Amino acid sequence: MVAGSNPVLGSISENHTNYCTLMREIRMFNDLYNKVRNRLKYFNSQPEVYEVIVDDDFEYTDEIEKALWDIKECLDLPTEEIEIAVATRHSSLKKS
């Protein structure tokens, strides 16, 4: 023992240091636990399902043809390529 040191105060100081270290480790563990728990909740949750209502009477072909002709004008494509694409689109729609 060192001359002039108080054994009671020394043990209190050591206990306080041990207590602070323990509390810091508990907080770190709780933080890790909460992160893992939140990740598990996120990945185990059910995905949201949306219902899509499609109007079958709408003519998509007209919009596609208009878009093809607009692309032809913007990119200066040959007319034959657009006519082939439109004819192919019409023939595939007739088959289905």
N, C-alpha and C. Protein backbone atom coordinates (compact mmCIF):
# COMPACT_ATOMS: atom_id res chain seq x y z
N MET A 1 0.83 -1.16 0.00
CA MET A 1 0.00 0.00 0.00
C MET A 1 0.89 1.24 0.00
N VAL A 2 0.49 2.25 -0.70
CA VAL A 2 1.25 3.49 -0.80
C VAL A 2 0.93 4.34 0.42
N ALA A 3 1.94 4.99 0.94
CA ALA A 3 1.73 5.85 2.11
C ALA A 3 0.78 6.98 1.77
N GLY A 4 -0.22 7.19 2.57
CA GLY A 4 -1.15 8.27 2.38
C GLY A 4 -2.33 7.92 1.49
N SER A 5 -2.39 6.71 0.93
CA SER A 5 -3.52 6.35 0.09
C SER A 5 -4.62 5.74 0.95
N ASN A 6 -5.83 5.97 0.55
CA ASN A 6 -6.98 5.48 1.30
C ASN A 6 -7.53 4.27 0.58
N PRO A 7 -7.52 3.08 1.18
CA PRO A 7 -8.00 1.88 0.49
C PRO A 7 -9.49 1.95 0.17
N VAL A 8 -10.27 2.62 0.93
CA VAL A 8 -11.72 2.71 0.68
C VAL A 8 -11.97 3.58 -0.55
N LEU A 9 -11.33 4.73 -0.62
CA LEU A 9 -11.52 5.61 -1.77
C LEU A 9 -10.96 4.99 -3.04
N GLY A 10 -9.87 4.24 -2.93
CA GLY A 10 -9.32 3.57 -4.10
C GLY A 10 -10.28 2.55 -4.65
N SER A 11 -10.93 1.79 -3.81
CA SER A 11 -11.88 0.78 -4.30
C SER A 11 -13.13 1.43 -4.87
N ILE A 12 -13.54 2.57 -4.32
CA ILE A 12 -14.69 3.29 -4.86
C ILE A 12 -14.37 3.79 -6.27
N SER A 13 -13.18 4.31 -6.44
CA SER A 13 -12.78 4.81 -7.74
C SER A 13 -12.73 3.68 -8.76
N GLU A 14 -12.18 2.54 -8.36
CA GLU A 14 -12.13 1.37 -9.26
C GLU A 14 -13.54 0.88 -9.58
N ASN A 15 -14.40 0.84 -8.59
CA ASN A 15 -15.78 0.41 -8.82
C ASN A 15 -16.50 1.36 -9.76
N HIS A 16 -16.26 2.66 -9.60
CA HIS A 16 -16.89 3.64 -10.48
C HIS A 16 -16.41 3.45 -11.92
N THR A 17 -15.11 3.23 -12.09
CA THR A 17 -14.56 3.00 -13.43
C THR A 17 -15.15 1.73 -14.03
N ASN A 18 -15.23 0.67 -13.27
CA ASN A 18 -15.81 -0.58 -13.75
C ASN A 18 -17.28 -0.40 -14.10
N TYR A 19 -18.01 0.37 -13.27
CA TYR A 19 -19.42 0.63 -13.53
C TYR A 19 -19.59 1.40 -14.84
N CYS A 20 -18.78 2.43 -15.04
CA CYS A 20 -18.87 3.24 -16.27
C CYS A 20 -18.55 2.39 -17.50
N THR A 21 -17.54 1.55 -17.39
CA THR A 21 -17.18 0.67 -18.50
C THR A 21 -18.31 -0.30 -18.80
N LEU A 22 -18.91 -0.86 -17.77
CA LEU A 22 -20.03 -1.79 -17.93
C LEU A 22 -21.22 -1.10 -18.60
N MET A 23 -21.55 0.10 -18.16
CA MET A 23 -22.68 0.82 -18.73
C MET A 23 -22.43 1.18 -20.19
N ARG A 24 -21.20 1.55 -20.54
CA ARG A 24 -20.86 1.85 -21.93
C ARG A 24 -21.02 0.61 -22.80
N GLU A 25 -20.61 -0.54 -22.30
CA GLU A 25 -20.74 -1.79 -23.05
C GLU A 25 -22.20 -2.18 -23.20
N ILE A 26 -23.00 -1.94 -22.17
CA ILE A 26 -24.43 -2.25 -22.26
C ILE A 26 -25.09 -1.36 -23.31
N ARG A 27 -24.75 -0.07 -23.35
CA ARG A 27 -25.29 0.82 -24.37
C ARG A 27 -24.89 0.39 -25.76
N MET A 28 -23.64 -0.02 -25.93
CA MET A 28 -23.17 -0.49 -27.24
C MET A 28 -23.93 -1.75 -27.66
N PHE A 29 -24.16 -2.65 -26.70
CA PHE A 29 -24.91 -3.87 -27.00
C PHE A 29 -26.35 -3.54 -27.37
N ASN A 30 -26.98 -2.62 -26.64
CA ASN A 30 -28.35 -2.23 -26.95
C ASN A 30 -28.46 -1.59 -28.33
N ASP A 31 -27.49 -0.76 -28.69
CA ASP A 31 -27.48 -0.16 -30.02
C ASP A 31 -27.39 -1.22 -31.11
N LEU A 32 -26.49 -2.17 -30.92
CA LEU A 32 -26.35 -3.25 -31.89
C LEU A 32 -27.62 -4.09 -31.96
N TYR A 33 -28.17 -4.41 -30.81
CA TYR A 33 -29.40 -5.21 -30.75
C TYR A 33 -30.53 -4.49 -31.50
N ASN A 34 -30.68 -3.19 -31.28
CA ASN A 34 -31.75 -2.44 -31.95
C ASN A 34 -31.54 -2.38 -33.45
N LYS A 35 -30.30 -2.24 -33.90
CA LYS A 35 -30.03 -2.23 -35.35
C LYS A 35 -30.41 -3.56 -35.98
N VAL A 36 -30.01 -4.65 -35.35
CA VAL A 36 -30.32 -5.98 -35.88
C VAL A 36 -31.83 -6.20 -35.87
N ARG A 37 -32.50 -5.82 -34.79
CA ARG A 37 -33.95 -6.00 -34.69
C ARG A 37 -34.66 -5.20 -35.77
N ASN A 38 -34.23 -3.96 -36.01
CA ASN A 38 -34.87 -3.13 -37.03
C ASN A 38 -34.65 -3.70 -38.43
N ARG A 39 -33.47 -4.22 -38.68
CA ARG A 39 -33.21 -4.85 -39.99
C ARG A 39 -34.09 -6.07 -40.18
N LEU A 40 -34.23 -6.88 -39.14
CA LEU A 40 -35.07 -8.07 -39.25
C LEU A 40 -36.53 -7.68 -39.48
N LYS A 41 -37.00 -6.66 -38.80
CA LYS A 41 -38.37 -6.19 -39.01
C LYS A 41 -38.55 -5.74 -40.45
N TYR A 42 -37.56 -5.02 -40.99
CA TYR A 42 -37.66 -4.50 -42.35
C TYR A 42 -37.72 -5.64 -43.36
N PHE A 43 -36.84 -6.61 -43.23
CA PHE A 43 -36.78 -7.68 -44.21
C PHE A 43 -37.86 -8.72 -44.03
N ASN A 44 -38.45 -8.82 -42.87
CA ASN A 44 -39.52 -9.79 -42.64
C ASN A 44 -40.90 -9.19 -42.85
N SER A 45 -40.98 -7.91 -43.11
CA SER A 45 -42.29 -7.29 -43.32
C SER A 45 -42.82 -7.68 -44.70
N GLN A 46 -44.12 -7.66 -44.80
CA GLN A 46 -44.77 -8.02 -46.06
C GLN A 46 -44.66 -6.84 -47.03
N PRO A 47 -44.32 -7.11 -48.29
CA PRO A 47 -44.24 -6.01 -49.25
C PRO A 47 -45.64 -5.45 -49.54
N GLU A 48 -45.68 -4.19 -49.88
CA GLU A 48 -46.95 -3.58 -50.23
C GLU A 48 -47.37 -4.06 -51.61
N VAL A 49 -48.64 -4.40 -51.75
CA VAL A 49 -49.17 -4.90 -53.01
C VAL A 49 -50.12 -3.85 -53.55
N TYR A 50 -49.90 -3.48 -54.79
CA TYR A 50 -50.75 -2.49 -55.43
C TYR A 50 -51.58 -3.15 -56.51
N GLU A 51 -52.81 -2.75 -56.61
CA GLU A 51 -53.68 -3.28 -57.64
C GLU A 51 -53.67 -2.31 -58.82
N VAL A 52 -53.39 -2.84 -60.00
CA VAL A 52 -53.32 -2.01 -61.20
C VAL A 52 -54.54 -2.34 -62.06
N ILE A 53 -55.27 -1.31 -62.39
CA ILE A 53 -56.46 -1.49 -63.23
C ILE A 53 -56.10 -1.04 -64.63
N VAL A 54 -56.26 -1.96 -65.59
CA VAL A 54 -55.89 -1.68 -66.97
C VAL A 54 -57.16 -1.65 -67.81
N ASP A 55 -57.29 -0.62 -68.60
CA ASP A 55 -58.42 -0.51 -69.51
C ASP A 55 -58.05 -1.23 -70.80
N ASP A 56 -58.70 -2.36 -71.06
CA ASP A 56 -58.37 -3.17 -72.25
C ASP A 56 -58.86 -2.52 -73.54
N ASP A 57 -59.79 -1.60 -73.44
CA ASP A 57 -60.33 -0.98 -74.64
C ASP A 57 -59.41 0.11 -75.21
N PHE A 58 -58.44 0.57 -74.43
CA PHE A 58 -57.56 1.64 -74.87
C PHE A 58 -56.63 1.12 -75.95
N GLU A 59 -56.45 1.91 -76.98
CA GLU A 59 -55.60 1.52 -78.10
C GLU A 59 -54.16 1.97 -77.86
N TYR A 60 -53.36 1.03 -77.43
CA TYR A 60 -51.95 1.34 -77.20
C TYR A 60 -51.18 1.44 -78.52
N THR A 61 -51.66 0.72 -79.52
CA THR A 61 -50.96 0.67 -80.80
C THR A 61 -50.85 2.06 -81.41
N ASP A 62 -51.92 2.84 -81.32
CA ASP A 62 -51.88 4.18 -81.89
C ASP A 62 -50.80 5.03 -81.23
N GLU A 63 -50.69 4.93 -79.90
CA GLU A 63 -49.68 5.71 -79.19
C GLU A 63 -48.27 5.24 -79.54
N ILE A 64 -48.11 3.93 -79.72
CA ILE A 64 -46.80 3.39 -80.09
C ILE A 64 -46.42 3.85 -81.50
N GLU A 65 -47.38 3.81 -82.39
CA GLU A 65 -47.10 4.27 -83.76
C GLU A 65 -46.74 5.76 -83.78
N LYS A 66 -47.47 6.56 -83.01
CA LYS A 66 -47.16 7.99 -82.96
C LYS A 66 -45.75 8.21 -82.41
N ALA A 67 -45.39 7.44 -81.39
CA ALA A 67 -44.06 7.57 -80.81
C ALA A 67 -42.98 7.17 -81.81
N LEU A 68 -43.24 6.12 -82.58
CA LEU A 68 -42.26 5.69 -83.59
C LEU A 68 -42.07 6.76 -84.66
N TRP A 69 -43.15 7.37 -85.10
CA TRP A 69 -43.03 8.42 -86.11
C TRP A 69 -42.31 9.64 -85.54
N ASP A 70 -42.56 9.95 -84.27
CA ASP A 70 -41.85 11.07 -83.63
C ASP A 70 -40.35 10.77 -83.53
N ILE A 71 -40.02 9.54 -83.19
CA ILE A 71 -38.61 9.15 -83.11
C ILE A 71 -37.95 9.24 -84.48
N LYS A 72 -38.70 8.83 -85.50
CA LYS A 72 -38.16 8.90 -86.87
C LYS A 72 -37.80 10.33 -87.23
N GLU A 73 -38.70 11.26 -86.87
CA GLU A 73 -38.45 12.67 -87.19
C GLU A 73 -37.25 13.21 -86.39
N CYS A 74 -37.17 12.85 -85.13
CA CYS A 74 -36.09 13.38 -84.28
C CYS A 74 -34.72 12.83 -84.69
N LEU A 75 -34.68 11.55 -85.00
CA LEU A 75 -33.40 10.91 -85.30
C LEU A 75 -33.10 10.81 -86.79
N ASP A 76 -34.03 11.28 -87.61
CA ASP A 76 -33.86 11.27 -89.06
C ASP A 76 -33.61 9.85 -89.57
N LEU A 77 -34.50 8.93 -89.13
CA LEU A 77 -34.41 7.53 -89.57
C LEU A 77 -35.10 7.36 -90.91
N PRO A 78 -34.71 6.34 -91.68
CA PRO A 78 -35.40 6.07 -92.95
C PRO A 78 -36.85 5.65 -92.70
N THR A 79 -37.73 6.07 -93.56
CA THR A 79 -39.16 5.78 -93.42
C THR A 79 -39.43 4.29 -93.47
N GLU A 80 -38.65 3.55 -94.26
CA GLU A 80 -38.88 2.11 -94.41
C GLU A 80 -38.75 1.38 -93.07
N GLU A 81 -37.82 1.82 -92.25
CA GLU A 81 -37.63 1.15 -90.95
C GLU A 81 -38.85 1.32 -90.06
N ILE A 82 -39.43 2.49 -90.06
CA ILE A 82 -40.61 2.74 -89.24
C ILE A 82 -41.80 1.96 -89.80
N GLU A 83 -41.93 1.94 -91.12
CA GLU A 83 -43.03 1.18 -91.72
C GLU A 83 -42.91 -0.31 -91.39
N ILE A 84 -41.70 -0.84 -91.40
CA ILE A 84 -41.48 -2.25 -91.04
C ILE A 84 -41.85 -2.48 -89.57
N ALA A 85 -41.45 -1.56 -88.70
CA ALA A 85 -41.75 -1.71 -87.28
C ALA A 85 -43.25 -1.66 -87.03
N VAL A 86 -43.96 -0.76 -87.71
CA VAL A 86 -45.41 -0.65 -87.55
C VAL A 86 -46.10 -1.88 -88.10
N ALA A 87 -45.65 -2.37 -89.26
CA ALA A 87 -46.25 -3.57 -89.84
C ALA A 87 -46.02 -4.78 -88.94
N THR A 88 -44.84 -4.90 -88.37
CA THR A 88 -44.55 -6.00 -87.45
C THR A 88 -45.45 -5.91 -86.22
N ARG A 89 -45.65 -4.70 -85.73
CA ARG A 89 -46.50 -4.50 -84.56
C ARG A 89 -47.93 -4.92 -84.87
N HIS A 90 -48.44 -4.53 -86.04
CA HIS A 90 -49.80 -4.91 -86.44
C HIS A 90 -49.93 -6.42 -86.58
N SER A 91 -48.95 -7.06 -87.20
CA SER A 91 -49.03 -8.52 -87.40
C SER A 91 -48.95 -9.25 -86.05
N SER A 92 -48.16 -8.76 -85.12
CA SER A 92 -48.08 -9.43 -83.81
C SER A 92 -49.36 -9.25 -83.01
N LEU A 93 -50.04 -8.10 -83.19
CA LEU A 93 -51.32 -7.90 -82.51
C LEU A 93 -52.42 -8.78 -83.09
N LYS A 94 -52.37 -9.02 -84.41
CA LYS A 94 -53.37 -9.89 -85.04
C LYS A 94 -53.22 -11.34 -84.59
N LYS A 95 -51.98 -11.75 -84.33
CA LYS A 95 -51.72 -13.13 -83.90
C LYS A 95 -52.20 -13.37 -82.47
N SER A 96 -52.18 -12.35 -81.64
CA SER A 96 -52.55 -12.55 -80.25
C SER A 96 -54.01 -12.37 -79.99
